[in-house]
């Protein structure tokens, strides 16, 4: 009897451990986005004194933000930062130079000033890198500087970032007091455009061999806690500025097409008629994992 209880306890622990692994997103998705931490990028932007300093922090190995090798030359890619701005709206593009002729956007930090001493931002991971647009912002439950601005609807993460922090009630963090934000809105600021390009990098930068997932993941996950994955674009004007200038590499899309397409979220809508002749729209959302395997499916019905 005791042996049975011990065995039951042992297998229960294994099951709990496996569930915890899945919920923490510890398994590699197979997408290139596995090797770039959106949360880490925001942590560096919060820490940086300027966009130029931010670019240096992104590309410092010890900060564990970037582990990308999109052109598969055996060395990490340099990530440059380009500020596309219009008055009080900024879209900071984080971009990898793939070759002499190709570049690939990894993510964009979208920043808007909303008052004399208030500003909001989000980082949006590129769909070619993460399978779909992944939006991350400072978490109202974290330790970010600044005040809460407003309440929002609940949000749910899925895809590569499923299982990471979500809140049933969202609050917006005021990022005005981040040093980089204050610098950007200073009177002497001129939009930062990285001068670095293919085979021309700063003297301090030394590429390194990309780390294996089992080594990389424990290092980058430390950035996750103060940030949360959301589903809503709230920095609307900055997002509109970014869309026309987005850059996508044919080489990257082709090389990762199988993995990325396997993670696309497909939605199908059909019209259904009830027993009394009332019509409704049925929407089925399917989330696919590695190899195209269905990870989850949700159906909602909305009456017309």
Protein backbone atom coordinates (compact mmCIF):
# COMPACT_ATOMS: atom_id res chain seq x y z
CA UNK A 1 0.00 0.00 0.00
CA UNK A 2 2.84 2.37 0.92
CA UNK A 3 4.64 1.55 -2.33
CA UNK A 4 1.48 2.38 -4.29
CA UNK A 5 1.20 5.73 -2.51
CA UNK A 6 4.85 6.49 -3.19
CA UNK A 7 4.43 5.61 -6.86
CA UNK A 8 1.29 7.73 -7.08
CA UNK A 9 3.12 10.64 -5.49
CA UNK A 10 6.10 10.19 -7.82
CA UNK A 11 4.00 10.19 -10.99
CA UNK A 12 1.94 13.12 -9.71
CA UNK A 13 5.15 15.13 -9.26
CA UNK A 14 6.22 14.22 -12.77
CA UNK A 15 2.87 15.35 -14.16
CA UNK A 16 2.98 18.65 -12.26
CA UNK A 17 6.56 19.22 -13.41
CA UNK A 18 5.65 18.55 -17.05
CA UNK A 19 2.64 20.87 -16.80
CA UNK A 20 4.79 23.61 -15.30
CA UNK A 21 7.27 23.23 -18.14
CA UNK A 22 4.55 23.58 -20.75
CA UNK A 23 2.93 26.56 -19.02
CA UNK A 24 6.22 28.41 -18.76
CA UNK A 25 6.83 28.00 -22.47
CA UNK A 26 10.09 26.23 -21.76
CA UNK A 27 9.98 24.15 -24.95
CA UNK A 28 11.48 25.65 -28.10
CA UNK A 29 8.86 26.64 -30.68
CA UNK A 30 11.26 26.22 -33.61
CA UNK A 31 10.61 29.83 -34.66
CA UNK A 32 13.45 32.35 -35.08
CA UNK A 33 11.76 34.43 -32.36
CA UNK A 34 12.94 31.86 -29.81
CA UNK A 35 16.31 33.60 -30.05
CA UNK A 36 15.28 37.19 -29.37
CA UNK A 37 13.70 38.32 -26.11
CA UNK A 38 11.05 41.00 -26.58
CA UNK A 39 10.88 41.39 -22.82
CA UNK A 40 14.65 41.73 -22.71
CA UNK A 41 14.54 44.44 -25.36
CA UNK A 42 12.04 46.43 -23.28
CA UNK A 43 14.19 45.93 -20.20
CA UNK A 44 17.15 47.40 -22.08
CA UNK A 45 15.04 50.32 -23.37
CA UNK A 46 13.98 51.03 -19.80
CA UNK A 47 17.60 50.93 -18.65
CA UNK A 48 19.14 52.88 -21.57
CA UNK A 49 19.98 56.58 -21.44
CA UNK A 50 19.33 57.10 -25.17
CA UNK A 51 18.44 55.14 -28.36
CA UNK A 52 22.16 54.86 -29.15
CA UNK A 53 22.81 53.40 -25.70
CA UNK A 54 19.81 51.11 -26.20
CA UNK A 55 21.35 49.70 -29.39
CA UNK A 56 24.57 48.94 -27.54
CA UNK A 57 22.70 47.18 -24.71
CA UNK A 58 20.77 45.06 -27.24
CA UNK A 59 23.99 43.81 -28.78
CA UNK A 60 25.90 43.13 -25.57
CA UNK A 61 26.19 39.39 -25.01
CA UNK A 62 25.99 39.65 -21.23
CA UNK A 63 22.50 41.17 -21.40
CA UNK A 64 21.00 37.98 -22.93
CA UNK A 65 18.57 39.68 -25.29
CA UNK A 66 19.82 38.63 -28.71
CA UNK A 67 20.79 35.12 -29.83
CA UNK A 68 19.74 35.43 -33.49
CA UNK A 69 21.62 34.07 -36.48
CA UNK A 70 19.13 34.64 -39.30
CA UNK A 71 21.67 34.30 -42.13
CA UNK A 72 23.11 31.16 -40.53
CA UNK A 73 26.75 32.20 -40.77
CA UNK A 74 27.49 30.81 -37.31
CA UNK A 75 27.59 34.23 -35.63
CA UNK A 76 24.95 36.34 -33.93
CA UNK A 77 23.38 39.12 -35.99
CA UNK A 78 23.93 42.77 -35.11
CA UNK A 79 20.63 44.49 -34.31
CA UNK A 80 20.45 48.11 -35.35
CA UNK A 81 17.89 50.66 -34.17
CA UNK A 82 16.11 53.13 -36.44
CA UNK A 83 13.70 55.77 -35.12
CA UNK A 84 10.79 56.62 -37.41
CA UNK A 85 9.04 59.57 -35.80
CA UNK A 86 6.33 62.16 -36.30
CA UNK A 87 6.16 64.86 -33.62
CA UNK A 88 5.45 63.07 -30.31
CA UNK A 89 5.14 59.61 -31.88
CA UNK A 90 8.09 57.23 -32.33
CA UNK A 91 8.51 53.80 -33.87
CA UNK A 92 11.93 52.36 -32.97
CA UNK A 93 12.65 49.55 -35.43
CA UNK A 94 14.94 46.75 -34.25
CA UNK A 95 16.45 45.37 -37.44
CA UNK A 96 18.97 42.68 -38.38
CA UNK A 97 21.09 43.13 -41.50
CA UNK A 98 20.98 39.78 -43.29
CA UNK A 99 23.23 40.57 -46.25
CA UNK A 100 24.45 43.48 -48.30
CA UNK A 101 20.98 43.79 -49.86
CA UNK A 102 18.57 42.42 -47.24
CA UNK A 103 17.42 43.42 -43.78
CA UNK A 104 14.80 41.89 -41.52
CA UNK A 105 12.76 43.68 -38.87
CA UNK A 106 12.78 41.78 -35.58
CA UNK A 107 10.46 44.05 -33.63
CA UNK A 108 9.36 47.66 -33.23
CA UNK A 109 9.02 49.67 -30.04
CA UNK A 110 6.05 51.98 -30.46
CA UNK A 111 6.04 55.04 -28.20
CA UNK A 112 3.53 57.87 -27.85
CA UNK A 113 3.41 60.89 -25.59
CA UNK A 114 -0.09 61.16 -24.13
CA UNK A 115 0.30 64.21 -21.89
CA UNK A 116 2.81 66.66 -20.48
CA UNK A 117 4.30 63.97 -18.25
CA UNK A 118 2.76 60.75 -19.57
CA UNK A 119 3.74 58.31 -22.30
CA UNK A 120 2.90 54.73 -23.27
CA UNK A 121 4.76 52.12 -25.27
CA UNK A 122 4.62 48.55 -26.54
CA UNK A 123 7.03 46.31 -28.40
CA UNK A 124 5.63 44.33 -31.32
CA UNK A 125 7.49 41.23 -32.52
CA UNK A 126 7.48 40.79 -36.30
CA UNK A 127 5.23 38.09 -37.73
CA UNK A 128 8.06 36.66 -39.87
CA UNK A 129 10.06 36.06 -36.69
CA UNK A 130 7.35 35.05 -34.20
CA UNK A 131 4.75 33.46 -36.48
CA UNK A 132 2.34 36.30 -35.77
CA UNK A 133 2.61 39.76 -34.28
CA UNK A 134 3.45 39.38 -30.58
CA UNK A 135 2.76 42.46 -28.44
CA UNK A 136 4.52 42.97 -25.12
CA UNK A 137 4.19 45.87 -22.68
CA UNK A 138 5.18 46.78 -19.11
CA UNK A 139 3.13 44.80 -16.63
CA UNK A 140 0.99 46.68 -14.14
CA UNK A 141 1.83 44.00 -11.62
CA UNK A 142 5.59 44.48 -12.04
CA UNK A 143 8.15 46.89 -10.65
CA UNK A 144 8.12 49.45 -13.47
CA UNK A 145 8.56 53.13 -12.66
CA UNK A 146 5.58 55.36 -13.32
CA UNK A 147 1.89 55.46 -12.52
CA UNK A 148 -1.01 53.38 -13.75
CA UNK A 149 -2.95 55.26 -16.40
CA UNK A 150 -6.18 53.31 -16.97
CA UNK A 151 -7.98 49.99 -16.75
CA UNK A 152 -8.34 47.76 -19.82
CA UNK A 153 -10.04 44.57 -20.93
CA UNK A 154 -8.55 41.19 -20.11
CA UNK A 155 -5.90 39.79 -22.42
CA UNK A 156 -4.81 36.29 -23.35
CA UNK A 157 -1.46 35.15 -24.74
CA UNK A 158 -1.13 32.26 -27.17
CA UNK A 159 1.27 30.91 -29.76
CA UNK A 160 4.98 31.12 -28.92
CA UNK A 161 4.29 33.25 -25.84
CA UNK A 162 1.38 31.24 -24.43
CA UNK A 163 1.63 30.61 -20.72
CA UNK A 164 3.47 33.81 -19.95
CA UNK A 165 2.14 36.58 -17.79
CA UNK A 166 -1.42 37.72 -18.40
CA UNK A 167 -3.80 39.67 -16.21
CA UNK A 168 -7.59 39.58 -16.14
CA UNK A 169 -7.53 43.36 -15.62
CA UNK A 170 -4.91 45.35 -17.48
CA UNK A 171 -3.50 48.69 -16.47
CA UNK A 172 -1.32 50.92 -18.60
CA UNK A 173 2.10 51.90 -17.29
CA UNK A 174 3.29 55.48 -17.66
CA UNK A 175 6.85 55.21 -19.04
CA UNK A 176 7.56 58.94 -19.00
CA UNK A 177 10.20 58.53 -16.28
CA UNK A 178 12.29 56.00 -18.20
CA UNK A 179 15.60 57.76 -19.03
CA UNK A 180 15.43 56.86 -22.73
CA UNK A 181 11.90 58.27 -23.00
CA UNK A 182 12.87 61.55 -21.34
CA UNK A 183 15.87 61.75 -23.70
CA UNK A 184 13.70 61.20 -26.79
CA UNK A 185 11.31 63.97 -25.77
CA UNK A 186 14.11 66.38 -24.89
CA UNK A 187 14.52 69.62 -26.90
CA UNK A 188 17.85 68.60 -28.46
CA UNK A 189 16.89 65.10 -29.62
CA UNK A 190 17.21 64.19 -33.28
CA UNK A 191 15.72 60.85 -34.43
CA UNK A 192 18.35 58.13 -34.06
CA UNK A 193 19.23 56.20 -37.22
CA UNK A 194 21.91 53.58 -36.67
CA UNK A 195 24.94 54.22 -38.92
CA UNK A 196 25.90 50.53 -38.98
CA UNK A 197 25.29 48.23 -41.93
CA UNK A 198 26.46 44.96 -43.51
CA UNK A 199 30.10 44.25 -42.52
CA UNK A 200 30.36 47.67 -40.88
CA UNK A 201 29.89 47.44 -37.11
CA UNK A 202 31.05 49.42 -34.06
CA UNK A 203 34.56 48.67 -32.86
CA UNK A 204 33.33 47.44 -29.45
CA UNK A 205 31.05 44.75 -30.91
CA UNK A 206 32.23 41.16 -31.20
CA UNK A 207 29.75 38.56 -32.50
CA UNK A 208 29.49 35.25 -30.68
CA UNK A 209 28.33 31.79 -31.60
CA UNK A 210 24.59 31.42 -30.92
CA UNK A 211 23.77 29.41 -27.83
CA UNK A 212 21.71 26.22 -27.86
CA UNK A 213 18.11 26.63 -26.70
CA UNK A 214 18.64 24.74 -23.43
CA UNK A 215 21.43 27.18 -22.56
CA UNK A 216 19.85 30.34 -23.97
CA UNK A 217 16.35 30.02 -22.53
CA UNK A 218 17.27 30.08 -18.80
CA UNK A 219 19.38 33.18 -19.47
CA UNK A 220 16.76 35.23 -21.32
CA UNK A 221 13.71 34.23 -19.25
CA UNK A 222 14.88 36.41 -16.37
CA UNK A 223 13.57 39.40 -18.35
CA UNK A 224 9.97 38.15 -18.47
CA UNK A 225 8.57 39.03 -15.06
CA UNK A 226 8.09 42.84 -15.38
CA UNK A 227 6.36 42.53 -18.78
CA UNK A 228 3.23 40.94 -20.17
CA UNK A 229 1.99 39.66 -23.54
CA UNK A 230 -1.22 41.36 -24.69
CA UNK A 231 -3.53 41.25 -27.71
CA UNK A 232 -4.35 44.94 -28.17
CA UNK A 233 -2.47 47.58 -30.18
CA UNK A 234 -2.86 50.61 -27.94
CA UNK A 235 -0.09 52.77 -29.47
CA UNK A 236 -2.11 53.31 -32.61
CA UNK A 237 -0.41 56.32 -34.20
CA UNK A 238 3.07 54.82 -33.86
CA UNK A 239 1.85 51.57 -35.37
CA UNK A 240 0.49 53.48 -38.36
CA UNK A 241 3.86 55.19 -38.84
CA UNK A 242 5.68 51.86 -38.77
CA UNK A 243 3.54 49.84 -41.20
CA UNK A 244 4.73 51.59 -44.42
CA UNK A 245 8.43 51.23 -43.53
CA UNK A 246 8.43 47.61 -42.34
CA UNK A 247 11.23 45.55 -43.91
CA UNK A 248 11.03 41.81 -44.54
CA UNK A 249 13.78 39.56 -45.91
CA UNK A 250 12.90 37.06 -48.62
CA UNK A 251 15.76 34.88 -47.39
CA UNK A 252 14.41 34.80 -43.83
CA UNK A 253 10.82 34.15 -44.93
CA UNK A 254 11.89 31.30 -47.20
CA UNK A 255 14.27 29.71 -44.71
CA UNK A 256 11.75 29.68 -41.86
CA UNK A 257 8.53 29.27 -43.86
CA UNK A 258 7.74 25.78 -42.57
CA UNK A 259 8.17 26.66 -38.91
CA UNK A 260 6.39 30.01 -39.17
CA UNK A 261 3.45 28.75 -41.21
CA UNK A 262 2.99 25.95 -38.71
CA UNK A 263 2.35 28.56 -36.02
CA UNK A 264 -0.08 30.73 -37.94
CA UNK A 265 -3.41 31.19 -36.22
CA UNK A 266 -6.25 30.53 -38.61
CA UNK A 267 -9.78 31.84 -38.13
CA UNK A 268 -12.76 30.59 -40.08
CA UNK A 269 -16.16 32.26 -39.96
CA UNK A 270 -19.46 30.63 -40.89
CA UNK A 271 -23.07 31.70 -40.58
CA UNK A 272 -25.33 29.43 -38.56
CA UNK A 273 -29.11 29.52 -38.27
CA UNK A 274 -30.87 28.67 -35.02
CA UNK A 275 -34.12 26.74 -34.60
CA UNK A 276 -36.19 29.96 -34.72
CA UNK A 277 -34.50 31.25 -37.84
CA UNK A 278 -32.15 33.63 -36.03
CA UNK A 279 -28.70 33.87 -37.60
CA UNK A 280 -25.34 34.07 -35.86
CA UNK A 281 -21.67 34.11 -36.88
CA UNK A 282 -19.58 31.20 -35.66
CA UNK A 283 -15.85 31.91 -35.47
CA UNK A 284 -13.39 29.08 -34.99
CA UNK A 285 -9.83 30.00 -33.97
CA UNK A 286 -7.19 27.33 -34.38
CA UNK A 287 -3.72 27.60 -32.85
CA UNK A 288 -1.07 25.38 -34.41
CA UNK A 289 2.24 24.36 -32.91
CA UNK A 290 5.44 22.89 -34.27
CA UNK A 291 4.89 20.79 -37.39
CA UNK A 292 1.40 22.21 -37.86
CA UNK A 293 -0.04 20.16 -35.00
CA UNK A 294 -3.20 21.68 -33.56
CA UNK A 295 -2.49 22.95 -30.03
CA UNK A 296 -5.89 24.44 -29.34
CA UNK A 297 -9.19 25.43 -30.88
CA UNK A 298 -11.81 27.88 -29.67
CA UNK A 299 -15.29 28.49 -31.09
CA UNK A 300 -17.39 31.57 -30.38
CA UNK A 301 -20.88 32.42 -31.63
CA UNK A 302 -22.07 36.00 -32.00
CA UNK A 303 -25.71 36.76 -32.73
CA UNK A 304 -26.44 39.17 -35.52
